[in-house]
Amino acid sequence: MRIAQRAQRVEPFYVMELAKAAAEMAAQGGPDQRPMIYLNIGEPDFTAPPLVQAAAERAIQNGRSQYTPATGLPALRRAISGWYGSRFGLDVDPARIVVTAGASAALQLACLALIESGDEVLMPDPCYPCNRQFVQAAEGRAVLIPCGPEQRFQLSADQVQTAWRAATRGVLLASPSNPTGTSIARDELERIARLVRERGGVTLVDEIYLGLSYEEDYGHSALGLPDGLGEEVISINSFSKYFNMTGWRLGWLVLPPALVPVVERLAQNLFICASTIAQHAALACFEPESLAEFERRRAEFKARKDFFIPELNRLGLSVPVMPDGAFYAWADVRGLCERWGIPPTGAQPDQGGSWALAFELMQRCQIATTPGRDFGQAEPGRYLRFSTANSMAQLHEAVQRLEQAL
């Protein structure tokens, strides 16, 4: 069977490949082996709160499962708009909001609407790997620009200006970022958006971790940029992380008004609509009781981060930039690799470095992590990503195991 070149260009999602390896290793262990601690997948250990679950049950019982408009339930679009107002002080017209089948569908729709064959999109290295694949699936090319800890692993306006060429279509940023948990400073984001506007490009900002921001200086949406820049930005968001609805597959886009009918046409043909049950359930996310629970959970995520990252630093797994959002620790593991006799990454990315260390940690500590191979090309063997979305008890146990192994 002939496989399309488009499909063959898509690389494996190594986070999932490591997850499979961890599951197989855990299944092979004997009765005396410790259970695997999974610090590899970026999924909250919390699930949808009670009001959301009850709303889903009511929707099923009442037969509210037929198609919705391709742009989503009008009531849900209004509720999302209201959240922007109460949380960020922004007046976002509900007509600019398109509800999607997860942030993945949102990114796919945005890329298909904006990217032509051969277009280049500037992105930071490291960055979330699937974002690159959405650009590639639209026949574009992701141009990765190395961004080190001195700039919080985020693109700068100077880098965008230097890298911009005739084929450049725009930038795709993430704030807060996966895998680093760092955000772009407000003034730097404004400079980037102005530069992109001057060149007739597009600014896409992945904000799916925006609700899980912990510092006032960074907890802002690109939709609030001044001088009309916020109305030109395309913001991608999701119910998965802050709202703890990962498997419900529900997200949204905030678009410039002129782009809404374009994305609506694409959504009608590609998806028809997002899950109707999930949409009715998500309305309950914005009830005061649910919002209070999400804020309690956000404080818990912050407490986990504030405990775990200093412990990693103490153990020599240096996290060069303290995350201001999300639930990740992006640790420099060169010291531990040297200590355990693991060579740096060789010609093949699956040799040495953080890739080999990830398997060592599964063997020695029964801890699953995610190596840097997924997230970029500049220094794939230098960094290892830990997820702090697990319970505090599991994080304490992980620290004890690491300390014993060291």
Protein backbone atom coordinates (compact mmCIF):
# COMPACT_ATOMS: atom_id res chain seq x y z
CA MET A 1 0.00 0.00 0.00
CA ARG A 2 1.35 3.43 -0.92
CA ILE A 3 1.46 5.81 2.05
CA ALA A 4 1.16 9.53 1.41
CA GLN A 5 4.38 11.52 1.85
CA ARG A 6 2.42 13.85 4.13
CA ALA A 7 1.82 11.03 6.57
CA GLN A 8 5.38 9.74 6.33
CA ARG A 9 6.77 13.15 7.27
CA VAL A 10 4.93 13.08 10.60
CA GLU A 11 7.30 11.92 13.31
CA PRO A 12 6.21 9.71 16.20
CA PHE A 13 5.00 11.46 19.33
CA TYR A 14 7.78 10.19 21.57
CA VAL A 15 5.92 11.12 24.77
CA MET A 16 3.49 8.35 23.86
CA GLU A 17 6.26 5.99 22.77
CA LEU A 18 7.91 6.33 26.19
CA ALA A 19 4.52 5.87 27.86
CA LYS A 20 4.12 2.54 26.06
CA ALA A 21 7.62 1.47 27.12
CA ALA A 22 6.88 2.42 30.73
CA ALA A 23 3.62 0.46 30.70
CA GLU A 24 5.35 -2.60 29.28
CA MET A 25 8.13 -2.37 31.86
CA ALA A 26 5.60 -2.04 34.67
CA ALA A 27 3.65 -5.05 33.37
CA GLN A 28 6.79 -7.21 33.31
CA GLY A 29 7.71 -6.45 36.90
CA GLY A 30 7.30 -9.06 39.59
CA PRO A 31 5.15 -8.83 42.72
CA ASP A 32 7.99 -7.18 44.64
CA GLN A 33 8.63 -4.42 42.13
CA ARG A 34 7.51 -0.94 43.03
CA PRO A 35 4.69 0.51 40.95
CA MET A 36 5.72 2.88 38.18
CA ILE A 37 5.33 6.60 38.91
CA TYR A 38 4.26 8.33 35.72
CA LEU A 39 5.75 11.82 35.55
CA ASN A 40 5.76 11.76 31.77
CA ILE A 41 2.27 12.67 30.55
CA GLY A 42 0.96 16.22 30.96
CA GLU A 43 -2.45 15.25 32.26
CA PRO A 44 -4.00 16.53 35.50
CA ASP A 45 -4.77 13.85 38.06
CA PHE A 46 -7.99 15.76 38.74
CA THR A 47 -11.06 14.97 36.64
CA ALA A 48 -14.06 17.10 35.74
CA PRO A 49 -15.69 18.52 38.90
CA PRO A 50 -19.10 17.32 40.11
CA LEU A 51 -21.23 19.98 38.42
CA VAL A 52 -19.65 19.22 35.06
CA GLN A 53 -20.23 15.48 35.43
CA ALA A 54 -23.83 16.10 36.48
CA ALA A 55 -24.39 18.38 33.48
CA ALA A 56 -23.14 15.64 31.14
CA GLU A 57 -25.50 13.13 32.73
CA ARG A 58 -28.45 15.50 32.34
CA ALA A 59 -27.60 16.11 28.70
CA ILE A 60 -27.58 12.36 28.03
CA GLN A 61 -30.78 11.73 29.97
CA ASN A 62 -32.57 14.59 28.19
CA GLY A 63 -31.41 13.50 24.75
CA ARG A 64 -29.37 16.65 24.14
CA SER A 65 -26.89 14.90 21.88
CA GLN A 66 -27.66 16.19 18.40
CA TYR A 67 -25.32 18.32 16.32
CA THR A 68 -24.62 21.84 17.47
CA PRO A 69 -23.58 24.69 15.14
CA ALA A 70 -20.06 24.17 13.80
CA THR A 71 -18.91 27.15 15.86
CA GLY A 72 -20.31 25.63 19.08
CA LEU A 73 -23.26 26.16 21.39
CA PRO A 74 -24.05 29.90 21.53
CA ALA A 75 -24.42 29.63 25.32
CA LEU A 76 -20.95 28.11 25.63
CA ARG A 77 -19.39 30.80 23.45
CA ARG A 78 -20.99 33.42 25.69
CA ALA A 79 -19.77 31.62 28.81
CA ILE A 80 -16.19 31.54 27.51
CA SER A 81 -16.45 35.23 26.69
CA GLY A 82 -17.65 35.89 30.23
CA TRP A 83 -14.66 33.99 31.65
CA TYR A 84 -12.27 36.23 29.74
CA GLY A 85 -14.06 39.18 31.29
CA SER A 86 -14.07 37.96 34.89
CA ARG A 87 -10.60 36.37 34.87
CA PHE A 88 -8.61 38.71 32.62
CA GLY A 89 -10.70 41.85 32.36
CA LEU A 90 -11.09 41.40 28.58
CA ASP A 91 -14.11 42.11 26.43
CA VAL A 92 -14.03 39.29 23.89
CA ASP A 93 -16.98 39.19 21.50
CA PRO A 94 -18.57 35.70 21.63
CA ALA A 95 -18.85 35.90 17.84
CA ARG A 96 -15.03 35.62 17.67
CA ILE A 97 -15.04 32.32 19.60
CA VAL A 98 -15.21 28.97 17.80
CA VAL A 99 -15.60 25.83 19.93
CA THR A 100 -13.50 22.93 18.64
CA ALA A 101 -12.83 19.24 19.24
CA GLY A 102 -9.94 19.97 21.58
CA ALA A 103 -7.06 22.39 21.11
CA SER A 104 -5.68 19.96 18.52
CA ALA A 105 -8.63 20.62 16.23
CA ALA A 106 -8.28 24.33 16.93
CA LEU A 107 -4.65 24.29 15.77
CA GLN A 108 -5.51 22.20 12.73
CA LEU A 109 -8.28 24.58 11.69
CA ALA A 110 -6.11 27.65 12.19
CA CYS A 111 -3.22 26.17 10.21
CA LEU A 112 -5.45 25.02 7.34
CA ALA A 113 -7.06 28.46 7.18
CA LEU A 114 -3.81 30.41 7.09
CA ILE A 115 -0.87 28.34 5.80
CA GLU A 116 -0.11 27.70 2.13
CA SER A 117 2.29 25.13 0.75
CA GLY A 118 5.83 26.31 1.39
CA ASP A 119 4.94 28.86 4.06
CA GLU A 120 7.29 29.00 7.04
CA VAL A 121 6.16 29.46 10.63
CA LEU A 122 8.66 30.55 13.27
CA MET A 123 8.56 28.62 16.54
CA PRO A 124 10.78 28.39 19.63
CA ASP A 125 13.01 25.40 20.23
CA PRO A 126 11.95 23.77 22.60
CA CYS A 127 8.22 23.63 21.87
CA TYR A 128 5.29 21.21 21.91
CA PRO A 129 5.94 18.71 19.08
CA CYS A 130 2.37 18.38 17.80
CA ASN A 131 2.27 22.11 17.02
CA ARG A 132 5.01 21.54 14.46
CA GLN A 133 3.09 18.66 12.94
CA PHE A 134 -0.04 20.78 12.45
CA VAL A 135 2.02 23.27 10.45
CA GLN A 136 3.51 20.45 8.41
CA ALA A 137 0.11 18.85 7.79
CA ALA A 138 -0.98 22.13 6.19
CA GLU A 139 2.02 21.81 3.83
CA GLY A 140 3.94 24.47 5.74
CA ARG A 141 7.34 24.28 7.38
CA ALA A 142 8.06 24.85 11.06
CA VAL A 143 11.28 26.84 11.51
CA LEU A 144 12.65 26.14 14.98
CA ILE A 145 14.74 28.87 16.59
CA PRO A 146 16.88 27.82 19.58
CA CYS A 147 15.77 29.61 22.76
CA GLY A 148 17.83 29.05 25.88
CA PRO A 149 17.23 29.61 29.59
CA GLU A 150 18.59 33.16 29.41
CA GLN A 151 15.40 34.10 27.51
CA ARG A 152 13.07 31.78 29.42
CA PHE A 153 13.03 29.35 26.46
CA GLN A 154 10.79 31.81 24.55
CA LEU A 155 11.22 33.60 21.25
CA SER A 156 12.31 37.23 21.29
CA ALA A 157 11.29 39.95 18.85
CA ASP A 158 14.92 40.27 17.77
CA GLN A 159 15.02 36.60 16.85
CA VAL A 160 11.77 36.91 14.89
CA GLN A 161 13.13 39.91 13.01
CA THR A 162 16.39 38.14 12.17
CA ALA A 163 14.71 34.92 11.03
CA TRP A 164 11.92 36.53 8.98
CA ARG A 165 12.19 35.92 5.24
CA ALA A 166 10.00 36.09 2.17
CA ALA A 167 8.48 32.66 2.87
CA THR A 168 7.67 33.44 6.52
CA ARG A 169 3.93 33.42 7.25
CA GLY A 170 4.01 34.16 10.95
CA VAL A 171 4.83 32.84 14.41
CA LEU A 172 3.34 30.12 16.59
CA LEU A 173 4.07 30.73 20.27
CA ALA A 174 2.95 29.07 23.51
CA SER A 175 2.52 30.96 26.76
CA PRO A 176 2.81 29.22 29.21
CA SER A 177 4.84 26.70 27.29
CA ASN A 178 4.98 22.95 27.15
CA PRO A 179 7.63 21.65 28.01
CA THR A 180 9.10 24.51 30.05
CA GLY A 181 6.13 26.06 31.88
CA THR A 182 7.49 29.52 31.05
CA SER A 183 5.57 32.44 29.57
CA ILE A 184 6.44 35.36 27.32
CA ALA A 185 6.79 38.73 29.01
CA ARG A 186 3.94 41.05 28.06
CA ASP A 187 6.16 43.72 26.47
CA GLU A 188 8.11 41.14 24.45
CA LEU A 189 4.90 39.56 23.19
CA GLU A 190 3.69 43.01 22.12
CA ARG A 191 6.93 43.66 20.24
CA ILE A 192 6.60 40.33 18.43
CA ALA A 193 2.97 40.98 17.49
CA ARG A 194 3.82 44.47 16.17
CA LEU A 195 6.68 43.11 14.10
CA VAL A 196 4.45 40.39 12.64
CA ARG A 197 1.75 42.94 11.85
CA GLU A 198 4.25 45.16 10.03
CA ARG A 199 5.20 42.23 7.82
CA GLY A 200 1.62 41.20 7.10
CA GLY A 201 1.96 37.94 8.99
CA VAL A 202 -0.11 36.12 11.60
CA THR A 203 0.49 35.61 15.32
CA LEU A 204 -0.85 32.38 16.77
CA VAL A 205 -0.57 31.88 20.53
CA ASP A 206 -1.21 28.54 22.23
CA GLU A 207 -2.76 29.55 25.58
CA ILE A 208 -4.04 26.20 26.76
CA TYR A 209 -2.14 26.55 30.06
CA LEU A 210 -3.12 30.19 30.58
CA GLY A 211 -5.55 29.31 33.36
CA LEU A 212 -2.66 27.65 35.20
CA SER A 213 -0.56 30.81 35.54
CA TYR A 214 0.92 31.51 38.95
CA GLU A 215 2.58 34.92 38.59
CA GLU A 216 0.78 38.19 37.93
CA ASP A 217 3.53 39.41 35.59
CA TYR A 218 2.89 36.51 33.22
CA GLY A 219 -0.76 35.55 33.68
CA HIS A 220 -2.05 37.59 30.76
CA SER A 221 -3.67 36.73 27.45
CA ALA A 222 -2.35 37.87 24.10
CA LEU A 223 -5.93 38.92 23.38
CA GLY A 224 -5.33 41.91 25.66
CA LEU A 225 -2.48 43.40 23.62
CA PRO A 226 -2.97 47.14 22.91
CA ASP A 227 -3.59 49.08 19.68
CA GLY A 228 -5.80 46.42 18.18
CA LEU A 229 -3.07 43.77 18.28
CA GLY A 230 -5.20 41.59 20.55
CA GLU A 231 -7.97 41.51 17.95
CA GLU A 232 -5.50 40.30 15.31
CA VAL A 233 -3.99 37.51 17.43
CA ILE A 234 -5.31 33.97 17.04
CA SER A 235 -5.58 32.38 20.48
CA ILE A 236 -5.87 28.62 20.98
CA ASN A 237 -7.30 27.34 24.25
CA SER A 238 -8.69 24.17 25.78
CA PHE A 239 -10.84 22.67 28.51
CA SER A 240 -8.17 19.98 29.10
CA LYS A 241 -5.71 21.56 31.53
CA TYR A 242 -7.19 24.26 33.78
CA PHE A 243 -10.69 22.78 33.47
CA ASN A 244 -9.43 19.16 33.90
CA MET A 245 -11.42 17.75 30.96
CA THR A 246 -8.67 16.02 28.96
CA GLY A 247 -10.60 13.12 27.45
CA TRP A 248 -13.67 15.23 26.72
CA ARG A 249 -11.80 16.68 23.71
CA LEU A 250 -13.07 20.24 23.86
CA GLY A 251 -11.24 23.45 23.05
CA TRP A 252 -11.74 26.78 21.36
CA LEU A 253 -10.27 29.45 19.12
CA VAL A 254 -10.53 33.21 19.45
CA LEU A 255 -10.21 34.66 15.97
CA PRO A 256 -10.15 37.99 14.16
CA PRO A 257 -13.75 38.55 12.98
CA ALA A 258 -12.89 38.13 9.28
CA LEU A 259 -11.48 34.66 9.94
CA VAL A 260 -14.54 33.24 11.74
CA PRO A 261 -16.58 32.31 8.62
CA VAL A 262 -13.48 30.74 7.04
CA VAL A 263 -12.84 28.53 10.05
CA GLU A 264 -16.56 27.78 10.32
CA ARG A 265 -16.57 26.38 6.77
CA LEU A 266 -13.56 24.22 7.53
CA ALA A 267 -15.09 22.98 10.79
CA GLN A 268 -18.38 22.12 9.05
CA ASN A 269 -16.54 19.88 6.61
CA LEU A 270 -13.86 18.38 8.85
CA PHE A 271 -15.63 17.96 12.20
CA ILE A 272 -19.29 19.02 11.82
CA CYS A 273 -19.08 20.10 15.47
CA ALA A 274 -17.35 19.35 18.74
CA SER A 275 -18.90 16.76 21.07
CA THR A 276 -22.38 17.96 21.99
CA ILE A 277 -22.35 16.21 25.37
CA ALA A 278 -18.98 17.74 26.22
CA GLN A 279 -20.24 21.19 25.27
CA HIS A 280 -23.32 20.95 27.50
CA ALA A 281 -21.12 19.66 30.31
CA ALA A 282 -18.59 22.47 29.85
CA LEU A 283 -21.26 25.08 30.54
CA ALA A 284 -21.07 23.99 34.18
CA CYS A 285 -17.36 24.90 34.26
CA PHE A 286 -18.36 28.52 34.63
CA GLU A 287 -20.64 28.08 37.63
CA PRO A 288 -19.22 29.79 40.75
CA GLU A 289 -18.84 26.46 42.55
CA SER A 290 -16.82 24.98 39.67
CA LEU A 291 -14.65 28.07 39.27
CA ALA A 292 -13.86 27.99 42.97
CA GLU A 293 -12.83 24.34 42.65
CA PHE A 294 -10.61 25.09 39.66
CA GLU A 295 -8.87 27.81 41.64
CA ARG A 296 -8.35 25.42 44.56
CA ARG A 297 -6.79 22.94 42.15
CA ARG A 298 -4.62 25.66 40.60
CA ALA A 299 -3.24 26.38 44.08
CA GLU A 300 -2.54 22.66 44.48
CA PHE A 301 -0.66 22.55 41.18
CA LYS A 302 1.42 25.51 42.32
CA ALA A 303 2.18 23.81 45.65
CA ARG A 304 3.35 20.69 43.82
CA LYS A 305 5.61 22.74 41.56
CA ASP A 306 7.00 24.72 44.50
CA PHE A 307 7.88 21.47 46.29
CA PHE A 308 9.20 19.34 43.44
CA ILE A 309 11.42 21.71 41.48
CA PRO A 310 13.61 22.79 44.44
CA GLU A 311 14.03 19.08 45.22
CA LEU A 312 15.19 18.41 41.67
CA ASN A 313 17.69 21.25 41.98
CA ARG A 314 18.93 19.84 45.30
CA LEU A 315 19.49 16.46 43.67
CA GLY A 316 21.48 17.94 40.80
CA LEU A 317 18.71 17.81 38.19
CA SER A 318 18.91 21.54 37.57
CA VAL A 319 15.80 23.41 36.42
CA PRO A 320 17.36 26.60 35.03
CA VAL A 321 14.13 28.62 34.86
CA MET A 322 11.41 28.33 37.49
CA PRO A 323 8.11 27.82 35.63
CA ASP A 324 5.47 30.50 36.04
CA GLY A 325 2.65 28.28 34.74
CA ALA A 326 1.50 24.81 33.67
CA PHE A 327 2.84 21.74 35.54
CA TYR A 328 6.23 20.92 34.08
CA ALA A 329 9.86 20.92 35.14
CA TRP A 330 12.39 21.23 32.29
CA ALA A 331 15.54 19.85 33.90
CA ASP A 332 19.11 20.01 32.65
CA VAL A 333 20.36 16.43 33.13
CA ARG A 334 23.92 16.62 31.80
CA GLY A 335 25.34 16.25 35.30
CA LEU A 336 23.36 13.10 36.08
CA CYS A 337 24.16 11.60 32.68
CA GLU A 338 27.86 12.10 33.35
CA ARG A 339 27.52 10.67 36.85
CA TRP A 340 25.81 7.53 35.58
CA GLY A 341 28.17 7.13 32.62
CA ILE A 342 25.56 7.98 29.99
CA PRO A 343 27.22 9.54 26.93
CA PRO A 344 25.84 12.71 25.33
CA THR A 345 23.36 12.31 22.50
CA GLY A 346 25.16 10.88 19.50
CA ALA A 347 24.42 11.03 15.80
CA GLN A 348 21.14 9.25 16.50
CA PRO A 349 18.73 11.00 18.91
CA ASP A 350 17.81 7.68 20.55
CA GLN A 351 21.37 7.15 21.72
CA GLY A 352 22.67 8.67 24.95
CA GLY A 353 21.64 11.86 26.68
CA SER A 354 18.20 12.35 28.16
CA TRP A 355 16.72 9.58 25.98
CA ALA A 356 18.96 6.95 27.55
CA LEU A 357 18.52 8.54 30.97
CA ALA A 358 14.74 8.21 30.72
CA PHE A 359 15.11 4.44 30.37
CA GLU A 360 17.64 4.35 33.23
CA LEU A 361 15.14 6.13 35.48
CA MET A 362 12.46 3.62 34.57
CA GLN A 363 14.81 0.75 35.39
CA ARG A 364 16.43 2.12 38.53
CA CYS A 365 13.64 4.21 40.06
CA GLN A 366 10.46 3.06 38.32
CA ILE A 367 9.86 6.68 37.32
CA ALA A 368 8.65 7.52 33.81
CA THR A 369 9.73 10.88 32.37
CA THR A 370 9.90 12.48 28.93
CA PRO A 371 13.25 13.13 27.20
CA GLY A 372 13.92 16.28 25.21
CA ARG A 373 13.84 14.46 21.87
CA ASP A 374 10.18 15.38 21.35
CA PHE A 375 10.54 19.07 21.92
CA GLY A 376 13.25 20.34 19.63
CA GLN A 377 16.42 19.85 17.65
CA ALA A 378 18.91 22.22 19.29
CA GLU A 379 19.80 20.22 22.43
CA PRO A 380 17.56 17.15 22.54
CA GLY A 381 19.83 15.23 24.90
CA ARG A 382 20.34 17.97 27.46
CA TYR A 383 16.87 18.25 28.97
CA LEU A 384 14.30 15.94 30.54
CA ARG A 385 10.70 16.93 31.22
CA PHE A 386 8.99 16.00 34.48
CA SER A 387 5.25 16.47 34.87
CA THR A 388 4.13 17.71 38.28
CA ALA A 389 0.46 17.02 37.55
CA ASN A 390 0.59 14.03 39.91
CA SER A 391 -0.44 13.99 43.55
CA MET A 392 1.85 15.43 46.19
CA ALA A 393 2.24 11.92 47.67
CA GLN A 394 3.56 10.58 44.36
CA LEU A 395 5.94 13.51 43.99
CA HIS A 396 7.33 12.88 47.49
CA GLU A 397 7.78 9.21 46.62
CA ALA A 398 9.53 10.13 43.35
CA VAL A 399 11.98 12.37 45.22
CA GLN A 400 12.74 9.57 47.69
CA ARG A 401 13.41 7.12 44.84
CA LEU A 402 15.66 9.59 43.03
CA GLU A 403 17.59 10.28 46.21
CA GLN A 404 18.10 6.56 46.83
CA ALA A 405 19.28 5.99 43.26
CA LEU A 406 21.70 8.90 43.48
